[in-house]
Amino acid sequence: MVQLEKYDNSVALLLTPNRSLTWAEAKLIIAFMVAVVMIIALAWTFVGAWVVLPFAGVEVGLFAVLMYKVTRSTYLKQLVVFTDHEITVEMGISRRQFKDSIPRFGTDIYYSETERDWHTPKITLQNGNRSIQIGQFLNADDMVVLREQIESLGFPICRQHWWK
């Protein structure tokens, strides 16, 4: 999702990935999966196939860890602030984990896409030999919205395919 906020001397773009599952819903899915797998594993244990129990525990634990990591990554935020003199990019989940800034003067914005649109386009801020990719977690539709928002701010976009 792309949100544009204008201030007196700066413009901020808040970028967040689409989130179809909240953490509360993920915990319900994890609990349901634990219940189903453990009921089956306990049934096999009572029949005499106790060796199933440790594998069921590993399966449930791995599922819970992966669900946590995937759900946590959907809470990533990226803040791109355009001021008169510089462009600042901050990124993190619950706190700022990355911050970089480049001068606004001389910065080109590149929009690169694949030949047949098989991959999500990339938007890169480039100034000399320094480059910062923004919105790498956005889907293709949100990348188009981001490009349009940047163009509406008056920045020219350099494209690989000029005919599109």
N, C-alpha and C. Protein backbone atom coordinates (compact mmCIF):
# COMPACT_ATOMS: atom_id res chain seq x y z
N MET A 1 0.84 -1.16 0.00
CA MET A 1 0.00 0.00 0.00
C MET A 1 0.90 1.23 0.00
N VAL A 2 0.50 2.24 -0.73
CA VAL A 2 1.27 3.47 -0.87
C VAL A 2 0.44 4.63 -0.34
N GLN A 3 0.98 5.35 0.65
CA GLN A 3 0.29 6.50 1.22
C GLN A 3 1.18 7.73 1.06
N LEU A 4 0.61 8.80 0.54
CA LEU A 4 1.34 10.04 0.32
C LEU A 4 0.89 11.06 1.36
N GLU A 5 1.84 11.67 2.04
CA GLU A 5 1.55 12.72 3.02
C GLU A 5 2.41 13.93 2.69
N LYS A 6 1.76 15.08 2.55
CA LYS A 6 2.49 16.31 2.24
C LYS A 6 2.58 17.17 3.49
N TYR A 7 3.78 17.72 3.72
CA TYR A 7 4.04 18.61 4.83
C TYR A 7 4.48 19.95 4.25
N ASP A 8 4.87 20.89 5.12
CA ASP A 8 5.25 22.23 4.66
C ASP A 8 6.45 22.19 3.73
N ASN A 9 7.51 21.53 4.13
CA ASN A 9 8.72 21.53 3.31
C ASN A 9 9.18 20.13 2.90
N SER A 10 8.30 19.13 3.01
CA SER A 10 8.67 17.77 2.62
C SER A 10 7.44 16.97 2.22
N VAL A 11 7.70 15.88 1.56
CA VAL A 11 6.66 14.94 1.16
C VAL A 11 7.12 13.56 1.59
N ALA A 12 6.21 12.80 2.22
CA ALA A 12 6.55 11.47 2.71
C ALA A 12 5.69 10.42 2.02
N LEU A 13 6.33 9.36 1.60
CA LEU A 13 5.64 8.19 1.04
C LEU A 13 5.81 7.04 2.04
N LEU A 14 4.69 6.53 2.56
CA LEU A 14 4.72 5.39 3.47
C LEU A 14 4.33 4.15 2.68
N LEU A 15 5.24 3.19 2.62
CA LEU A 15 5.04 1.97 1.84
C LEU A 15 4.89 0.78 2.79
N THR A 16 3.82 0.02 2.63
CA THR A 16 3.59 -1.18 3.42
C THR A 16 3.12 -2.30 2.49
N PRO A 17 3.51 -3.55 2.76
CA PRO A 17 3.04 -4.64 1.92
C PRO A 17 1.57 -4.94 2.20
N ASN A 18 0.92 -5.59 1.23
CA ASN A 18 -0.46 -6.02 1.44
C ASN A 18 -0.47 -7.11 2.50
N ARG A 19 -1.44 -7.01 3.40
CA ARG A 19 -1.52 -7.96 4.50
C ARG A 19 -2.89 -8.61 4.47
N SER A 20 -2.96 -9.88 4.09
CA SER A 20 -4.23 -10.57 4.05
C SER A 20 -4.48 -11.37 5.32
N LEU A 21 -3.51 -11.46 6.20
CA LEU A 21 -3.63 -12.23 7.43
C LEU A 21 -3.03 -11.45 8.58
N THR A 22 -3.83 -11.17 9.61
CA THR A 22 -3.30 -10.48 10.79
C THR A 22 -2.62 -11.48 11.70
N TRP A 23 -1.91 -10.96 12.70
CA TRP A 23 -1.21 -11.84 13.62
C TRP A 23 -2.20 -12.65 14.46
N ALA A 24 -3.34 -12.07 14.82
CA ALA A 24 -4.35 -12.81 15.58
C ALA A 24 -4.92 -13.97 14.75
N GLU A 25 -5.16 -13.74 13.47
CA GLU A 25 -5.64 -14.81 12.60
C GLU A 25 -4.57 -15.89 12.41
N ALA A 26 -3.32 -15.49 12.32
CA ALA A 26 -2.23 -16.46 12.18
C ALA A 26 -2.12 -17.33 13.43
N LYS A 27 -2.31 -16.74 14.61
CA LYS A 27 -2.28 -17.54 15.84
C LYS A 27 -3.42 -18.55 15.87
N LEU A 28 -4.59 -18.18 15.36
CA LEU A 28 -5.70 -19.14 15.29
C LEU A 28 -5.38 -20.29 14.35
N ILE A 29 -4.79 -19.99 13.21
CA ILE A 29 -4.41 -21.04 12.26
C ILE A 29 -3.35 -21.96 12.87
N ILE A 30 -2.38 -21.38 13.57
CA ILE A 30 -1.34 -22.19 14.22
C ILE A 30 -1.97 -23.09 15.28
N ALA A 31 -2.88 -22.55 16.09
CA ALA A 31 -3.53 -23.35 17.12
C ALA A 31 -4.36 -24.48 16.51
N PHE A 32 -5.06 -24.20 15.42
CA PHE A 32 -5.85 -25.23 14.76
C PHE A 32 -4.95 -26.33 14.22
N MET A 33 -3.85 -25.95 13.60
CA MET A 33 -2.92 -26.93 13.04
C MET A 33 -2.30 -27.77 14.15
N VAL A 34 -1.92 -27.15 15.27
CA VAL A 34 -1.36 -27.88 16.40
C VAL A 34 -2.38 -28.89 16.91
N ALA A 35 -3.63 -28.47 17.06
CA ALA A 35 -4.67 -29.36 17.58
C ALA A 35 -4.88 -30.56 16.66
N VAL A 36 -5.01 -30.33 15.36
CA VAL A 36 -5.26 -31.42 14.42
C VAL A 36 -4.10 -32.40 14.39
N VAL A 37 -2.87 -31.89 14.27
CA VAL A 37 -1.70 -32.77 14.17
C VAL A 37 -1.49 -33.54 15.48
N MET A 38 -1.68 -32.88 16.60
CA MET A 38 -1.47 -33.56 17.88
C MET A 38 -2.55 -34.61 18.15
N ILE A 39 -3.78 -34.36 17.76
CA ILE A 39 -4.83 -35.37 17.92
C ILE A 39 -4.49 -36.62 17.11
N ILE A 40 -4.05 -36.42 15.88
CA ILE A 40 -3.67 -37.55 15.03
C ILE A 40 -2.45 -38.27 15.61
N ALA A 41 -1.45 -37.50 16.06
CA ALA A 41 -0.23 -38.10 16.61
C ALA A 41 -0.54 -38.87 17.89
N LEU A 42 -1.39 -38.32 18.75
CA LEU A 42 -1.75 -39.02 19.99
C LEU A 42 -2.55 -40.29 19.70
N ALA A 43 -3.40 -40.25 18.69
CA ALA A 43 -4.14 -41.45 18.30
C ALA A 43 -3.18 -42.54 17.85
N TRP A 44 -2.19 -42.20 17.07
CA TRP A 44 -1.20 -43.19 16.64
C TRP A 44 -0.35 -43.66 17.82
N THR A 45 -0.10 -42.78 18.77
CA THR A 45 0.67 -43.17 19.94
C THR A 45 -0.09 -44.20 20.77
N PHE A 46 -1.39 -44.01 20.95
CA PHE A 46 -2.19 -44.97 21.72
C PHE A 46 -2.31 -46.32 21.00
N VAL A 47 -2.20 -46.33 19.68
CA VAL A 47 -2.24 -47.57 18.92
C VAL A 47 -0.91 -48.32 19.05
N GLY A 48 0.14 -47.58 19.36
CA GLY A 48 1.44 -48.21 19.53
C GLY A 48 2.52 -47.64 18.65
N ALA A 49 2.18 -46.72 17.78
CA ALA A 49 3.18 -46.12 16.89
C ALA A 49 3.67 -44.81 17.51
N TRP A 50 4.34 -44.94 18.66
CA TRP A 50 4.79 -43.76 19.40
C TRP A 50 5.86 -42.96 18.67
N VAL A 51 6.54 -43.54 17.70
CA VAL A 51 7.60 -42.85 16.97
C VAL A 51 7.05 -41.68 16.15
N VAL A 52 5.74 -41.64 15.94
CA VAL A 52 5.12 -40.54 15.19
C VAL A 52 5.13 -39.25 16.00
N LEU A 53 5.08 -39.35 17.31
CA LEU A 53 4.95 -38.18 18.18
C LEU A 53 6.08 -37.15 18.02
N PRO A 54 7.35 -37.54 18.03
CA PRO A 54 8.39 -36.51 17.86
C PRO A 54 8.34 -35.82 16.49
N PHE A 55 8.01 -36.59 15.45
CA PHE A 55 7.93 -35.98 14.12
C PHE A 55 6.75 -35.00 14.03
N ALA A 56 5.67 -35.32 14.70
CA ALA A 56 4.53 -34.41 14.74
C ALA A 56 4.91 -33.12 15.47
N GLY A 57 5.67 -33.25 16.55
CA GLY A 57 6.14 -32.06 17.28
C GLY A 57 7.04 -31.18 16.43
N VAL A 58 7.93 -31.81 15.68
CA VAL A 58 8.82 -31.05 14.79
C VAL A 58 8.01 -30.36 13.70
N GLU A 59 7.04 -31.07 13.14
CA GLU A 59 6.21 -30.50 12.09
C GLU A 59 5.44 -29.27 12.59
N VAL A 60 4.83 -29.41 13.76
CA VAL A 60 4.05 -28.30 14.32
C VAL A 60 4.97 -27.13 14.69
N GLY A 61 6.13 -27.43 15.25
CA GLY A 61 7.06 -26.36 15.61
C GLY A 61 7.56 -25.61 14.40
N LEU A 62 7.91 -26.34 13.35
CA LEU A 62 8.39 -25.70 12.13
C LEU A 62 7.28 -24.86 11.48
N PHE A 63 6.06 -25.39 11.49
CA PHE A 63 4.93 -24.64 10.94
C PHE A 63 4.72 -23.35 11.71
N ALA A 64 4.79 -23.40 13.04
CA ALA A 64 4.58 -22.20 13.86
C ALA A 64 5.68 -21.16 13.62
N VAL A 65 6.92 -21.61 13.52
CA VAL A 65 8.03 -20.68 13.28
C VAL A 65 7.89 -20.01 11.92
N LEU A 66 7.58 -20.79 10.90
CA LEU A 66 7.44 -20.22 9.55
C LEU A 66 6.25 -19.27 9.46
N MET A 67 5.14 -19.62 10.08
CA MET A 67 3.98 -18.71 10.08
C MET A 67 4.33 -17.39 10.79
N TYR A 68 5.08 -17.48 11.88
CA TYR A 68 5.49 -16.27 12.60
C TYR A 68 6.38 -15.40 11.72
N LYS A 69 7.37 -16.00 11.06
CA LYS A 69 8.30 -15.22 10.22
C LYS A 69 7.57 -14.57 9.04
N VAL A 70 6.69 -15.32 8.40
CA VAL A 70 5.98 -14.77 7.24
C VAL A 70 5.03 -13.66 7.67
N THR A 71 4.30 -13.88 8.75
CA THR A 71 3.36 -12.86 9.22
C THR A 71 4.11 -11.62 9.70
N ARG A 72 5.23 -11.80 10.37
CA ARG A 72 6.01 -10.65 10.85
C ARG A 72 6.53 -9.81 9.68
N SER A 73 6.92 -10.47 8.59
CA SER A 73 7.46 -9.73 7.45
C SER A 73 6.40 -8.88 6.76
N THR A 74 5.12 -9.17 6.98
CA THR A 74 4.08 -8.33 6.38
C THR A 74 3.89 -7.02 7.13
N TYR A 75 4.52 -6.86 8.28
CA TYR A 75 4.44 -5.62 9.04
C TYR A 75 5.60 -4.67 8.74
N LEU A 76 6.37 -4.98 7.73
CA LEU A 76 7.49 -4.12 7.32
C LEU A 76 6.96 -2.80 6.77
N LYS A 77 7.62 -1.71 7.12
CA LYS A 77 7.25 -0.39 6.62
C LYS A 77 8.49 0.28 6.05
N GLN A 78 8.25 1.07 5.01
CA GLN A 78 9.33 1.86 4.43
C GLN A 78 8.82 3.28 4.27
N LEU A 79 9.59 4.22 4.79
CA LEU A 79 9.23 5.63 4.72
C LEU A 79 10.25 6.34 3.84
N VAL A 80 9.76 6.95 2.76
CA VAL A 80 10.62 7.69 1.84
C VAL A 80 10.23 9.16 1.95
N VAL A 81 11.16 9.99 2.42
CA VAL A 81 10.88 11.41 2.65
C VAL A 81 11.68 12.24 1.65
N PHE A 82 10.96 13.05 0.88
CA PHE A 82 11.57 13.95 -0.10
C PHE A 82 11.57 15.35 0.48
N THR A 83 12.75 15.92 0.72
CA THR A 83 12.86 17.32 1.15
C THR A 83 13.50 18.11 0.01
N ASP A 84 13.76 19.38 0.25
CA ASP A 84 14.36 20.22 -0.79
C ASP A 84 15.79 19.81 -1.12
N HIS A 85 16.49 19.22 -0.14
CA HIS A 85 17.91 18.96 -0.34
C HIS A 85 18.28 17.48 -0.37
N GLU A 86 17.45 16.60 0.19
CA GLU A 86 17.82 15.19 0.22
C GLU A 86 16.59 14.28 0.19
N ILE A 87 16.85 13.01 -0.07
CA ILE A 87 15.83 11.96 -0.04
C ILE A 87 16.28 10.96 1.01
N THR A 88 15.42 10.73 2.01
CA THR A 88 15.73 9.83 3.10
C THR A 88 14.84 8.60 3.03
N VAL A 89 15.43 7.44 3.19
CA VAL A 89 14.70 6.18 3.18
C VAL A 89 14.92 5.49 4.53
N GLU A 90 13.82 5.20 5.23
CA GLU A 90 13.87 4.48 6.50
C GLU A 90 13.03 3.22 6.37
N MET A 91 13.50 2.13 6.95
CA MET A 91 12.78 0.87 6.83
C MET A 91 12.92 0.08 8.12
N GLY A 92 11.85 -0.62 8.50
CA GLY A 92 11.88 -1.48 9.68
C GLY A 92 10.51 -2.07 9.96
N ILE A 93 10.48 -2.97 10.92
CA ILE A 93 9.23 -3.62 11.29
C ILE A 93 8.64 -2.95 12.51
N SER A 94 9.25 -3.11 13.66
CA SER A 94 8.73 -2.47 14.86
C SER A 94 9.55 -1.24 15.25
N ARG A 95 10.70 -1.11 14.66
CA ARG A 95 11.56 0.06 14.88
C ARG A 95 12.38 0.27 13.62
N ARG A 96 13.07 1.39 13.53
CA ARG A 96 13.88 1.67 12.36
C ARG A 96 15.10 0.76 12.35
N GLN A 97 15.22 -0.05 11.30
CA GLN A 97 16.34 -0.98 11.17
C GLN A 97 17.31 -0.55 10.08
N PHE A 98 16.88 0.35 9.22
CA PHE A 98 17.71 0.80 8.11
C PHE A 98 17.39 2.26 7.83
N LYS A 99 18.41 3.07 7.66
CA LYS A 99 18.20 4.46 7.28
C LYS A 99 19.33 4.86 6.36
N ASP A 100 18.97 5.50 5.26
CA ASP A 100 19.96 5.99 4.32
C ASP A 100 19.40 7.24 3.67
N SER A 101 20.27 8.13 3.28
CA SER A 101 19.82 9.33 2.59
C SER A 101 20.80 9.66 1.48
N ILE A 102 20.25 10.23 0.42
CA ILE A 102 21.07 10.66 -0.70
C ILE A 102 20.64 12.08 -1.07
N PRO A 103 21.54 12.85 -1.64
CA PRO A 103 21.16 14.21 -2.04
C PRO A 103 20.12 14.19 -3.15
N ARG A 104 19.21 15.13 -3.09
CA ARG A 104 18.14 15.19 -4.10
C ARG A 104 18.68 15.63 -5.45
N PHE A 105 19.61 16.56 -5.43
CA PHE A 105 20.18 17.05 -6.68
C PHE A 105 21.04 15.96 -7.30
N GLY A 106 20.78 15.62 -8.52
CA GLY A 106 21.56 14.61 -9.23
C GLY A 106 21.04 13.20 -9.04
N THR A 107 19.94 13.03 -8.35
CA THR A 107 19.38 11.69 -8.14
C THR A 107 18.41 11.36 -9.26
N ASP A 108 18.64 10.22 -9.88
CA ASP A 108 17.74 9.72 -10.91
C ASP A 108 16.91 8.59 -10.33
N ILE A 109 15.67 8.47 -10.81
CA ILE A 109 14.78 7.42 -10.36
C ILE A 109 14.56 6.48 -11.53
N TYR A 110 14.98 5.22 -11.34
CA TYR A 110 14.89 4.22 -12.39
C TYR A 110 13.74 3.27 -12.10
N TYR A 111 12.95 3.02 -13.14
CA TYR A 111 11.84 2.07 -13.07
C TYR A 111 12.17 0.96 -14.05
N SER A 112 12.55 -0.20 -13.54
CA SER A 112 12.96 -1.29 -14.42
C SER A 112 11.95 -2.43 -14.31
N GLU A 113 11.59 -2.96 -15.46
CA GLU A 113 10.65 -4.06 -15.53
C GLU A 113 11.18 -5.10 -16.49
N THR A 114 10.70 -6.33 -16.36
CA THR A 114 11.17 -7.41 -17.23
C THR A 114 10.48 -7.31 -18.59
N GLU A 115 11.00 -8.07 -19.52
CA GLU A 115 10.52 -7.99 -20.91
C GLU A 115 9.04 -8.32 -21.03
N ARG A 116 8.58 -9.37 -20.40
CA ARG A 116 7.18 -9.78 -20.52
C ARG A 116 6.41 -9.59 -19.22
N ASP A 117 6.90 -8.73 -18.34
CA ASP A 117 6.27 -8.42 -17.06
C ASP A 117 6.09 -9.67 -16.20
N TRP A 118 7.08 -10.54 -16.16
CA TRP A 118 7.00 -11.75 -15.35
C TRP A 118 7.38 -11.48 -13.91
N HIS A 119 8.16 -10.45 -13.67
CA HIS A 119 8.59 -10.12 -12.33
C HIS A 119 8.06 -8.73 -11.96
N THR A 120 8.00 -8.49 -10.68
CA THR A 120 7.56 -7.19 -10.19
C THR A 120 8.57 -6.13 -10.59
N PRO A 121 8.12 -4.97 -11.06
CA PRO A 121 9.06 -3.90 -11.42
C PRO A 121 9.87 -3.44 -10.20
N LYS A 122 10.99 -2.81 -10.46
CA LYS A 122 11.85 -2.29 -9.40
C LYS A 122 11.97 -0.78 -9.57
N ILE A 123 11.96 -0.07 -8.45
CA ILE A 123 12.20 1.37 -8.46
C ILE A 123 13.46 1.61 -7.64
N THR A 124 14.42 2.27 -8.27
CA THR A 124 15.72 2.50 -7.64
C THR A 124 16.05 3.98 -7.70
N LEU A 125 16.48 4.52 -6.56
CA LEU A 125 17.00 5.89 -6.49
C LEU A 125 18.51 5.78 -6.69
N GLN A 126 19.05 6.51 -7.65
CA GLN A 126 20.46 6.36 -7.95
C GLN A 126 21.11 7.74 -8.08
N ASN A 127 22.19 7.92 -7.35
CA ASN A 127 22.96 9.15 -7.38
C ASN A 127 24.43 8.76 -7.47
N GLY A 128 24.98 8.89 -8.64
CA GLY A 128 26.37 8.47 -8.84
C GLY A 128 26.48 6.96 -8.72
N ASN A 129 27.33 6.52 -7.80
CA ASN A 129 27.48 5.08 -7.60
C ASN A 129 26.66 4.56 -6.43
N ARG A 130 25.86 5.41 -5.79
CA ARG A 130 24.99 4.99 -4.69
C ARG A 130 23.58 4.75 -5.22
N SER A 131 22.99 3.65 -4.79
CA SER A 131 21.61 3.37 -5.20
C SER A 131 20.85 2.76 -4.03
N ILE A 132 19.56 3.10 -3.97
CA ILE A 132 18.67 2.58 -2.94
C ILE A 132 17.41 2.09 -3.64
N GLN A 133 17.08 0.83 -3.43
CA GLN A 133 15.84 0.30 -4.01
C GLN A 133 14.71 0.54 -3.01
N ILE A 134 13.58 1.03 -3.52
CA ILE A 134 12.43 1.28 -2.65
C ILE A 134 11.26 0.42 -3.10
N GLY A 135 10.45 0.03 -2.13
CA GLY A 135 9.23 -0.71 -2.42
C GLY A 135 9.46 -2.12 -2.91
N GLN A 136 10.55 -2.77 -2.51
CA GLN A 136 10.84 -4.10 -3.02
C GLN A 136 9.84 -5.14 -2.55
N PHE A 137 9.04 -4.85 -1.54
CA PHE A 137 8.05 -5.80 -1.03
C PHE A 137 6.65 -5.53 -1.57
N LEU A 138 6.49 -4.53 -2.43
CA LEU A 138 5.17 -4.21 -2.98
C LEU A 138 4.82 -5.13 -4.14
N ASN A 139 3.53 -5.30 -4.39
CA ASN A 139 3.12 -6.09 -5.56
C ASN A 139 3.15 -5.19 -6.80
N ALA A 140 2.85 -5.77 -7.96
CA ALA A 140 2.99 -5.04 -9.23
C ALA A 140 2.05 -3.84 -9.31
N ASP A 141 0.81 -3.99 -8.84
CA ASP A 141 -0.14 -2.88 -8.88
C ASP A 141 0.31 -1.73 -7.99
N ASP A 142 0.83 -2.05 -6.79
CA ASP A 142 1.31 -1.00 -5.90
C ASP A 142 2.57 -0.33 -6.43
N MET A 143 3.39 -1.08 -7.18
CA MET A 143 4.57 -0.46 -7.78
C MET A 143 4.17 0.58 -8.83
N VAL A 144 3.11 0.29 -9.57
CA VAL A 144 2.61 1.26 -10.54
C VAL A 144 2.09 2.50 -9.82
N VAL A 145 1.38 2.30 -8.72
CA VAL A 145 0.87 3.43 -7.92
C VAL A 145 2.04 4.24 -7.38
N LEU A 146 3.08 3.56 -6.90
CA LEU A 146 4.27 4.26 -6.39
C LEU A 146 4.93 5.08 -7.48
N ARG A 147 5.07 4.49 -8.66
CA ARG A 147 5.67 5.23 -9.78
C ARG A 147 4.84 6.47 -10.12
N GLU A 148 3.51 6.32 -10.15
CA GLU A 148 2.64 7.46 -10.44
C GLU A 148 2.73 8.54 -9.37
N GLN A 149 2.84 8.14 -8.10
CA GLN A 149 2.98 9.11 -7.01
C GLN A 149 4.30 9.88 -7.14
N ILE A 150 5.37 9.17 -7.48
CA ILE A 150 6.66 9.84 -7.65
C ILE A 150 6.62 10.79 -8.84
N GLU A 151 5.98 10.37 -9.93
CA GLU A 151 5.85 11.25 -11.09
C GLU A 151 5.01 12.47 -10.75
N SER A 152 3.98 12.31 -9.91
CA SER A 152 3.14 13.46 -9.53
C SER A 152 3.91 14.46 -8.67
N LEU A 153 5.01 14.03 -8.05
CA LEU A 153 5.84 14.95 -7.28
C LEU A 153 6.78 15.75 -8.16
N GLY A 154 6.82 15.43 -9.45
CA GLY A 154 7.65 16.17 -10.38
C GLY A 154 8.97 15.53 -10.71
N PHE A 155 9.18 14.30 -10.30
CA PHE A 155 10.42 13.59 -10.60
C PHE A 155 10.28 12.88 -11.94
N PRO A 156 11.24 13.03 -12.81
CA PRO A 156 11.20 12.24 -14.05
C PRO A 156 11.63 10.80 -13.75
N ILE A 157 10.96 9.87 -14.38
CA ILE A 157 11.24 8.45 -14.19
C ILE A 157 12.00 7.94 -15.42
N CYS A 158 13.15 7.33 -15.20
CA CYS A 158 13.92 6.71 -16.28
C CYS A 158 13.46 5.26 -16.40
N ARG A 159 13.07 4.86 -17.61
CA ARG A 159 12.55 3.52 -17.82
C ARG A 159 13.42 2.75 -18.79
N GLN A 160 13.47 1.45 -18.58
CA GLN A 160 14.18 0.58 -19.53
C GLN A 160 13.43 0.52 -20.85
N HIS A 161 12.12 0.34 -20.76
CA HIS A 161 11.29 0.24 -21.94
C HIS A 161 10.55 1.56 -22.13
N TRP A 162 11.11 2.43 -22.91
CA TRP A 162 10.54 3.76 -23.08
C TRP A 162 9.22 3.72 -23.84
N TRP A 163 8.95 2.65 -24.56
CA TRP A 163 7.73 2.58 -25.38
C TRP A 163 6.50 2.16 -24.57
N LYS A 164 6.68 1.75 -23.30
CA LYS A 164 5.53 1.34 -22.50
C LYS A 164 4.93 2.53 -21.79
